[in-house]
């Protein structure tokens, strides 16, 4: 039975339970403000040690700085999680970023990501944000997920986040 709860810093090792692997058919690129779909079939493997450490470091950093993590569990197994960043962004400082969002391969398309997204959206509203800022991986599945939840390409790309992940699709979701 699935259940959801807040994750704590000392649970950082549980992130290794996520199977991030995915069969990718299309990716997206932004060209002159327009989104372009590119056929790019390949298998994306699970995280290696370097990527795992980077994900864990971001998780710990955000939680130490008042960010929030929501986890989805199947028994004791972590099968999905999302992290709401602590830092307000945008010209009006009215945006909070979804810093991390992952659902294990065999648990996708079951509503887990949607429930995590709703919890993070509700918390962002409670904190006074008017928008979620999303720096999405360029895969069709990720972009489609965020678009299906009301996100759209942003006109105001966050320079810091773009420099960290220039291939990402930068989106915004009104809360």
C-alpha atoms as a PDB file:
ATOM      1  CA  UNK A   1       0.000   0.000   0.000  1.00  0.00           C
ATOM      2  CA  UNK A   2       1.335   3.404  -0.988  1.00  0.00           C
ATOM      3  CA  UNK A   3       1.614   6.268   1.454  1.00  0.00           C
ATOM      4  CA  UNK A   4       3.158   9.739   1.409  1.00  0.00           C
ATOM      5  CA  UNK A   5       5.057  11.638   4.068  1.00  0.00           C
ATOM      6  CA  UNK A   6       7.681  14.294   4.596  1.00  0.00           C
ATOM      7  CA  UNK A   7      11.266  13.102   4.222  1.00  0.00           C
ATOM      8  CA  UNK A   8      13.952  14.189   6.671  1.00  0.00           C
ATOM      9  CA  UNK A   9      17.641  14.903   6.083  1.00  0.00           C
ATOM     10  CA  UNK A  10      18.739  11.721   7.842  1.00  0.00           C
ATOM     11  CA  UNK A  11      16.828   9.707   5.202  1.00  0.00           C
ATOM     12  CA  UNK A  12      19.106  10.878   2.387  1.00  0.00           C
ATOM     13  CA  UNK A  13      20.368   7.335   1.734  1.00  0.00           C
ATOM     14  CA  UNK A  14      16.809   6.247   0.843  1.00  0.00           C
ATOM     15  CA  UNK A  15      17.149   8.229  -2.392  1.00  0.00           C
ATOM     16  CA  UNK A  16      19.261   5.362  -3.748  1.00  0.00           C
ATOM     17  CA  UNK A  17      16.088   3.232  -3.760  1.00  0.00           C
ATOM     18  CA  UNK A  18      14.711   5.212  -6.714  1.00  0.00           C
ATOM     19  CA  UNK A  19      15.071   3.592 -10.146  1.00  0.00           C
ATOM     20  CA  UNK A  20      15.506   6.617 -12.373  1.00  0.00           C
ATOM     21  CA  UNK A  21      16.049   4.530 -15.546  1.00  0.00           C
ATOM     22  CA  UNK A  22      13.822   5.276 -18.528  1.00  0.00           C
ATOM     23  CA  UNK A  23      13.349   4.522 -22.201  1.00  0.00           C
ATOM     24  CA  UNK A  24      13.488   7.890 -23.935  1.00  0.00           C
ATOM     25  CA  UNK A  25      11.928   8.420 -27.335  1.00  0.00           C
ATOM     26  CA  UNK A  26      11.962  12.190 -27.780  1.00  0.00           C
ATOM     27  CA  UNK A  27      13.726  15.106 -26.162  1.00  0.00           C
ATOM     28  CA  UNK A  28      12.961  18.790 -26.398  1.00  0.00           C
ATOM     29  CA  UNK A  29      15.106  21.807 -27.096  1.00  0.00           C
ATOM     30  CA  UNK A  30      14.273  25.484 -26.955  1.00  0.00           C
ATOM     31  CA  UNK A  31      15.124  27.427 -30.125  1.00  0.00           C
ATOM     32  CA  UNK A  32      14.295  31.139 -30.253  1.00  0.00           C
ATOM     33  CA  UNK A  33      11.691  30.749 -27.510  1.00  0.00           C
ATOM     34  CA  UNK A  34       9.948  27.817 -29.204  1.00  0.00           C
ATOM     35  CA  UNK A  35       9.993  24.206 -28.112  1.00  0.00           C
ATOM     36  CA  UNK A  36      11.279  21.713 -30.666  1.00  0.00           C
ATOM     37  CA  UNK A  37      10.787  17.941 -30.436  1.00  0.00           C
ATOM     38  CA  UNK A  38      13.772  15.811 -31.484  1.00  0.00           C
ATOM     39  CA  UNK A  39      13.710  12.076 -32.108  1.00  0.00           C
ATOM     40  CA  UNK A  40      16.370  10.671 -29.752  1.00  0.00           C
ATOM     41  CA  UNK A  41      15.590   7.046 -28.869  1.00  0.00           C
ATOM     42  CA  UNK A  42      17.850   5.636 -26.160  1.00  0.00           C
ATOM     43  CA  UNK A  43      17.833   4.005 -22.753  1.00  0.00           C
ATOM     44  CA  UNK A  44      18.641   6.282 -19.841  1.00  0.00           C
ATOM     45  CA  UNK A  45      20.338   4.226 -17.103  1.00  0.00           C
ATOM     46  CA  UNK A  46      19.850   4.546 -13.381  1.00  0.00           C
ATOM     47  CA  UNK A  47      22.034   7.019 -11.491  1.00  0.00           C
ATOM     48  CA  UNK A  48      25.727   6.362 -11.184  1.00  0.00           C
ATOM     49  CA  UNK A  49      27.647   7.201  -7.986  1.00  0.00           C
ATOM     50  CA  UNK A  50      28.496  10.742  -9.115  1.00  0.00           C
ATOM     51  CA  UNK A  51      24.909  11.628 -10.026  1.00  0.00           C
ATOM     52  CA  UNK A  52      23.612   9.980  -6.843  1.00  0.00           C
ATOM     53  CA  UNK A  53      25.956  12.118  -4.751  1.00  0.00           C
ATOM     54  CA  UNK A  54      24.817  15.266  -6.572  1.00  0.00           C
ATOM     55  CA  UNK A  55      21.131  14.436  -5.998  1.00  0.00           C
ATOM     56  CA  UNK A  56      21.803  13.668  -2.329  1.00  0.00           C
ATOM     57  CA  UNK A  57      23.787  16.900  -1.898  1.00  0.00           C
ATOM     58  CA  UNK A  58      20.919  18.952  -3.371  1.00  0.00           C
ATOM     59  CA  UNK A  59      18.420  17.133  -1.133  1.00  0.00           C
ATOM     60  CA  UNK A  60      20.456  17.844   2.027  1.00  0.00           C
ATOM     61  CA  UNK A  61      21.163  21.455   1.026  1.00  0.00           C
ATOM     62  CA  UNK A  62      17.490  22.251   0.456  1.00  0.00           C
ATOM     63  CA  UNK A  63      16.302  20.567   3.641  1.00  0.00           C
ATOM     64  CA  UNK A  64      18.982  22.297   5.730  1.00  0.00           C
ATOM     65  CA  UNK A  65      17.723  25.611   4.318  1.00  0.00           C
ATOM     66  CA  UNK A  66      13.984  25.131   5.012  1.00  0.00           C
ATOM     67  CA  UNK A  67      13.156  23.288   1.782  1.00  0.00           C
ATOM     68  CA  UNK A  68      10.617  20.478   1.935  1.00  0.00           C
ATOM     69  CA  UNK A  69      10.789  16.899   0.649  1.00  0.00           C
ATOM     70  CA  UNK A  70       7.776  14.647   0.160  1.00  0.00           C
ATOM     71  CA  UNK A  71       8.318  10.918  -0.305  1.00  0.00           C
ATOM     72  CA  UNK A  72       6.061   8.192  -1.675  1.00  0.00           C
ATOM     73  CA  UNK A  73       6.513   4.761  -0.115  1.00  0.00           C
ATOM     74  CA  UNK A  74       5.474   1.255  -0.983  1.00  0.00           C
ATOM     75  CA  UNK A  75       5.950  -0.288   2.431  1.00  0.00           C
ATOM     76  CA  UNK A  76       9.489   0.689   3.438  1.00  0.00           C
ATOM     77  CA  UNK A  77      10.637   1.277  -0.164  1.00  0.00           C
ATOM     78  CA  UNK A  78      10.936   4.883  -1.362  1.00  0.00           C
ATOM     79  CA  UNK A  79       9.320   4.893  -4.825  1.00  0.00           C
ATOM     80  CA  UNK A  80       9.099   8.635  -5.499  1.00  0.00           C
ATOM     81  CA  UNK A  81      10.027  11.978  -4.040  1.00  0.00           C
ATOM     82  CA  UNK A  82       9.937  15.684  -4.736  1.00  0.00           C
ATOM     83  CA  UNK A  83      11.775  18.584  -3.163  1.00  0.00           C
ATOM     84  CA  UNK A  84      10.541  22.157  -2.908  1.00  0.00           C
ATOM     85  CA  UNK A  85      13.489  24.541  -2.819  1.00  0.00           C
ATOM     86  CA  UNK A  86      13.793  27.199  -0.151  1.00  0.00           C
ATOM     87  CA  UNK A  87      14.916  30.181  -2.269  1.00  0.00           C
ATOM     88  CA  UNK A  88      12.382  32.566  -3.790  1.00  0.00           C
ATOM     89  CA  UNK A  89      13.127  33.358  -7.426  1.00  0.00           C
ATOM     90  CA  UNK A  90      11.923  35.661 -10.189  1.00  0.00           C
ATOM     91  CA  UNK A  91      11.865  39.452 -10.485  1.00  0.00           C
ATOM     92  CA  UNK A  92       9.036  39.615  -7.961  1.00  0.00           C
ATOM     93  CA  UNK A  93      10.567  36.929  -5.694  1.00  0.00           C
ATOM     94  CA  UNK A  94       7.264  35.052  -5.933  1.00  0.00           C
ATOM     95  CA  UNK A  95       8.477  31.722  -7.343  1.00  0.00           C
ATOM     96  CA  UNK A  96       9.673  28.591  -5.564  1.00  0.00           C
ATOM     97  CA  UNK A  97      11.466  25.891  -7.513  1.00  0.00           C
ATOM     98  CA  UNK A  98      10.770  22.199  -7.647  1.00  0.00           C
ATOM     99  CA  UNK A  99      14.391  21.267  -7.050  1.00  0.00           C
ATOM    100  CA  UNK A 100      14.035  17.500  -7.499  1.00  0.00           C
ATOM    101  CA  UNK A 101      11.232  15.190  -8.649  1.00  0.00           C
ATOM    102  CA  UNK A 102      11.587  11.489  -9.378  1.00  0.00           C
ATOM    103  CA  UNK A 103       9.352   8.424  -9.459  1.00  0.00           C
ATOM    104  CA  UNK A 104      10.796   4.919  -9.819  1.00  0.00           C
ATOM    105  CA  UNK A 105      10.334   3.324 -13.209  1.00  0.00           C
ATOM    106  CA  UNK A 106       7.829   0.613 -12.281  1.00  0.00           C
ATOM    107  CA  UNK A 107       5.696   3.096 -10.274  1.00  0.00           C
ATOM    108  CA  UNK A 108       5.251   5.738 -13.000  1.00  0.00           C
ATOM    109  CA  UNK A 109       1.872   6.639 -14.462  1.00  0.00           C
ATOM    110  CA  UNK A 110       0.053   5.689 -11.274  1.00  0.00           C
ATOM    111  CA  UNK A 111      -0.568   9.224  -9.967  1.00  0.00           C
ATOM    112  CA  UNK A 112       2.391   9.298  -7.567  1.00  0.00           C
ATOM    113  CA  UNK A 113       4.093  12.243  -9.265  1.00  0.00           C
ATOM    114  CA  UNK A 114       0.789  14.114  -9.375  1.00  0.00           C
ATOM    115  CA  UNK A 115       0.231  13.673  -5.643  1.00  0.00           C
ATOM    116  CA  UNK A 116       3.777  14.834  -4.868  1.00  0.00           C
ATOM    117  CA  UNK A 117       3.356  17.816  -7.211  1.00  0.00           C
ATOM    118  CA  UNK A 118       0.093  18.762  -5.461  1.00  0.00           C
ATOM    119  CA  UNK A 119       1.725  18.600  -2.021  1.00  0.00           C
ATOM    120  CA  UNK A 120       4.669  20.734  -3.164  1.00  0.00           C
ATOM    121  CA  UNK A 121       2.272  23.221  -4.809  1.00  0.00           C
ATOM    122  CA  UNK A 122       0.208  23.495  -1.616  1.00  0.00           C
ATOM    123  CA  UNK A 123       3.335  24.088   0.466  1.00  0.00           C
ATOM    124  CA  UNK A 124       4.616  26.704  -1.991  1.00  0.00           C
ATOM    125  CA  UNK A 125       1.274  28.552  -1.670  1.00  0.00           C
ATOM    126  CA  UNK A 126       1.489  28.359   2.139  1.00  0.00           C
ATOM    127  CA  UNK A 127       4.931  29.935   1.914  1.00  0.00           C
ATOM    128  CA  UNK A 128       3.585  32.806  -0.185  1.00  0.00           C
ATOM    129  CA  UNK A 129       4.678  31.754  -3.686  1.00  0.00           C
ATOM    130  CA  UNK A 130       2.487  32.567  -6.656  1.00  0.00           C
ATOM    131  CA  UNK A 131       4.351  30.286  -9.058  1.00  0.00           C
ATOM    132  CA  UNK A 132       6.417  27.129  -9.196  1.00  0.00           C
ATOM    133  CA  UNK A 133       9.624  27.345 -11.225  1.00  0.00           C
ATOM    134  CA  UNK A 134      10.492  24.087 -12.941  1.00  0.00           C
ATOM    135  CA  UNK A 135      13.792  23.258 -14.597  1.00  0.00           C
ATOM    136  CA  UNK A 136      12.666  20.019 -16.252  1.00  0.00           C
ATOM    137  CA  UNK A 137      14.849  17.429 -17.886  1.00  0.00           C
ATOM    138  CA  UNK A 138      14.375  17.620 -21.637  1.00  0.00           C
ATOM    139  CA  UNK A 139      12.654  14.248 -22.000  1.00  0.00           C
ATOM    140  CA  UNK A 140       9.156  14.056 -23.428  1.00  0.00           C
ATOM    141  CA  UNK A 141       7.877  12.223 -20.344  1.00  0.00           C
ATOM    142  CA  UNK A 142       9.107  14.919 -17.936  1.00  0.00           C
ATOM    143  CA  UNK A 143       7.993  17.884 -20.045  1.00  0.00           C
ATOM    144  CA  UNK A 144       4.594  16.272 -20.681  1.00  0.00           C
ATOM    145  CA  UNK A 145       4.166  15.594 -16.955  1.00  0.00           C
ATOM    146  CA  UNK A 146       4.738  19.230 -16.021  1.00  0.00           C
ATOM    147  CA  UNK A 147       2.650  20.573 -18.918  1.00  0.00           C
ATOM    148  CA  UNK A 148      -0.219  18.275 -17.923  1.00  0.00           C
ATOM    149  CA  UNK A 149      -0.114  19.951 -14.503  1.00  0.00           C
ATOM    150  CA  UNK A 150      -0.495  23.452 -15.930  1.00  0.00           C
ATOM    151  CA  UNK A 151       3.139  24.400 -16.478  1.00  0.00           C
ATOM    152  CA  UNK A 152       4.241  26.354 -19.507  1.00  0.00           C
ATOM    153  CA  UNK A 153       7.488  27.705 -20.896  1.00  0.00           C
ATOM    154  CA  UNK A 154       8.666  30.666 -18.894  1.00  0.00           C
ATOM    155  CA  UNK A 155       9.431  34.045 -20.442  1.00  0.00           C
ATOM    156  CA  UNK A 156      11.775  34.753 -17.530  1.00  0.00           C
ATOM    157  CA  UNK A 157      14.455  32.045 -17.412  1.00  0.00           C
ATOM    158  CA  UNK A 158      16.320  31.979 -14.112  1.00  0.00           C
ATOM    159  CA  UNK A 159      19.948  32.621 -15.079  1.00  0.00           C
ATOM    160  CA  UNK A 160      21.435  30.664 -12.167  1.00  0.00           C
ATOM    161  CA  UNK A 161      19.335  27.572 -12.907  1.00  0.00           C
ATOM    162  CA  UNK A 162      19.891  27.864 -16.660  1.00  0.00           C
ATOM    163  CA  UNK A 163      23.661  27.977 -16.119  1.00  0.00           C
ATOM    164  CA  UNK A 164      23.449  24.833 -13.955  1.00  0.00           C
ATOM    165  CA  UNK A 165      21.299  22.923 -16.473  1.00  0.00           C
ATOM    166  CA  UNK A 166      21.266  24.649 -19.890  1.00  0.00           C
ATOM    167  CA  UNK A 167      19.594  21.705 -21.652  1.00  0.00           C
ATOM    168  CA  UNK A 168      16.639  21.707 -19.266  1.00  0.00           C
ATOM    169  CA  UNK A 169      13.245  23.030 -20.281  1.00  0.00           C
ATOM    170  CA  UNK A 170      12.497  25.988 -18.009  1.00  0.00           C
ATOM    171  CA  UNK A 171       8.844  26.251 -17.114  1.00  0.00           C
ATOM    172  CA  UNK A 172       6.535  28.031 -14.712  1.00  0.00           C
ATOM    173  CA  UNK A 173       3.289  26.957 -13.095  1.00  0.00           C
ATOM    174  CA  UNK A 174       0.827  29.427 -11.651  1.00  0.00           C
ATOM    175  CA  UNK A 175      -0.395  28.416  -8.208  1.00  0.00           C
END
